[in-house]
Amino acid sequence: MSVPGILAAVVGDPAVAGLPRDTPLLSGGLGLDSVTVVRLLAEIRTATGVDVADLDLDLDALATIGTLTDFVAAHREQRGGGKPGDGGEQGDGGEPGDGGGGEQRGGGEQAADAQG
């Protein structure tokens, strides 16, 4: 599913999938609230394996529909899942719903090495 399609499903309005790429996601545009943003990012992680919140700490990717779509596409390509701009199905980050490849987030081995 594409990022605009995921967004439309999360907000419950199919018309959102057809909005221009430069439509702001937050103020001055769709006006998504924090709960909706969390739901959106969770659905993107489930569908694509890309954890936007983990990879983009400033959340600059949430500026517009286009910036979010491009961010997800770029990180899917880095993970080996999909072509740029396709926002397609699950890449190689694990099964849907498993957090999209926890091995990238972990760092437990590094922490253990630092302590020992």
Protein backbone atom coordinates (compact mmCIF):
# COMPACT_ATOMS: atom_id res chain seq x y z
CA MET A 1 0.00 0.00 0.00
CA SER A 2 1.26 3.49 -0.81
CA VAL A 3 1.91 6.13 1.85
CA PRO A 4 -1.03 8.25 0.60
CA GLY A 5 -3.19 5.10 0.76
CA ILE A 6 -2.08 4.38 4.32
CA LEU A 7 -2.76 8.00 5.26
CA ALA A 8 -6.26 7.82 3.75
CA ALA A 9 -6.99 4.63 5.70
CA VAL A 10 -5.75 6.11 8.98
CA VAL A 11 -7.83 9.29 8.67
CA GLY A 12 -10.81 7.39 7.28
CA ASP A 13 -11.16 9.47 4.12
CA PRO A 14 -10.33 7.86 0.75
CA ALA A 15 -10.12 11.31 -0.87
CA VAL A 16 -6.93 12.01 1.11
CA ALA A 17 -5.04 9.54 -1.11
CA GLY A 18 -5.53 11.90 -4.05
CA LEU A 19 -4.32 15.09 -2.38
CA PRO A 20 -1.30 16.90 -3.86
CA ARG A 21 2.17 15.88 -2.63
CA ASP A 22 2.74 19.37 -1.21
CA THR A 23 -0.23 19.11 1.18
CA PRO A 24 1.05 19.71 4.74
CA LEU A 25 0.34 16.89 7.16
CA LEU A 26 0.19 19.04 10.26
CA SER A 27 -0.78 22.72 10.63
CA GLY A 28 -1.97 24.54 7.53
CA GLY A 29 -2.96 21.30 5.82
CA LEU A 30 -4.54 18.10 7.06
CA GLY A 31 -4.02 19.20 10.66
CA LEU A 32 -3.20 15.72 11.95
CA ASP A 33 -3.16 15.53 15.72
CA SER A 34 -0.52 13.65 17.70
CA VAL A 35 -2.63 10.50 18.11
CA THR A 36 -3.29 10.33 14.37
CA VAL A 37 0.42 10.84 13.62
CA VAL A 38 1.32 7.97 15.96
CA ARG A 39 -1.26 5.75 14.24
CA LEU A 40 0.04 6.80 10.81
CA LEU A 41 3.65 6.02 11.70
CA ALA A 42 2.65 2.65 13.18
CA GLU A 43 0.74 1.72 10.02
CA ILE A 44 3.67 2.80 7.83
CA ARG A 45 6.03 0.68 9.92
CA THR A 46 3.71 -2.31 9.66
CA ALA A 47 3.13 -1.96 5.92
CA THR A 48 6.65 -1.03 4.82
CA GLY A 49 9.05 -1.95 7.62
CA VAL A 50 10.24 1.68 7.78
CA ASP A 51 10.21 3.17 11.28
CA VAL A 52 9.98 6.88 10.50
CA ALA A 53 10.11 7.97 14.14
CA ASP A 54 13.27 5.92 14.74
CA LEU A 55 15.04 7.06 11.57
CA ASP A 56 13.97 10.74 11.52
CA LEU A 57 14.29 12.05 15.05
CA ASP A 58 13.31 15.60 14.06
CA LEU A 59 10.33 14.20 12.10
CA ASP A 60 11.11 16.50 9.17
CA ALA A 61 9.60 13.80 6.96
CA LEU A 62 6.17 14.79 8.30
CA ALA A 63 6.18 18.17 6.57
CA THR A 64 4.02 17.11 3.61
CA ILE A 65 2.54 14.03 1.98
CA GLY A 66 5.40 14.16 -0.53
CA THR A 67 8.21 14.40 2.03
CA LEU A 68 6.80 11.43 3.92
CA THR A 69 6.33 9.40 0.73
CA ASP A 70 9.89 10.17 -0.40
CA PHE A 71 11.36 9.37 3.03
CA VAL A 72 9.64 5.99 3.18
CA ALA A 73 10.60 5.15 -0.42
CA ALA A 74 14.27 6.05 0.19
CA HIS A 75 14.49 3.93 3.33
CA ARG A 76 12.66 1.02 1.72
CA GLU A 77 15.25 1.06 -1.07
CA GLN A 78 18.08 1.06 1.50
CA ARG A 79 16.46 -1.97 3.12
CA GLY A 80 16.12 -3.70 -0.24
CA GLY A 81 12.34 -3.51 -0.37
CA GLY A 82 10.75 -1.77 -3.32
CA LYS A 83 11.56 0.92 -5.83
CA PRO A 84 11.85 4.63 -5.08
CA GLY A 85 8.47 6.27 -5.05
CA ASP A 86 6.43 3.08 -5.08
CA GLY A 87 5.62 3.03 -1.35
CA GLY A 88 4.78 -0.63 -1.95
CA GLU A 89 4.55 -3.71 0.16
CA GLN A 90 6.71 -5.11 2.95
CA GLY A 91 10.44 -5.17 2.30
CA ASP A 92 12.93 -7.45 4.00
CA GLY A 93 12.41 -5.93 7.45
CA GLY A 94 10.40 -8.83 8.84
CA GLU A 95 6.79 -9.75 8.98
CA PRO A 96 3.98 -7.17 9.16
CA GLY A 97 3.32 -6.26 12.76
CA ASP A 98 6.69 -7.34 14.12
CA GLY A 99 8.15 -3.85 14.26
CA GLY A 100 9.89 -4.04 10.92
CA GLY A 101 13.19 -5.65 11.83
CA GLY A 102 14.07 -5.11 15.46
CA GLU A 103 17.70 -5.96 14.77
CA GLN A 104 18.21 -2.47 13.39
CA ARG A 105 16.89 -0.83 16.53
CA GLY A 106 18.48 -3.07 19.14
CA GLY A 107 22.07 -2.23 19.93
CA GLY A 108 21.89 -4.57 22.94
CA GLU A 109 25.18 -6.21 22.01
CA GLN A 110 26.89 -2.83 21.87
CA ALA A 111 25.49 -1.90 25.27
CA ALA A 112 26.68 -5.21 26.73
CA ASP A 113 30.16 -4.66 25.30
CA ALA A 114 30.32 -1.16 26.75
CA GLN A 115 29.42 -2.43 30.21
CA GLY A 116 31.77 -5.40 30.20
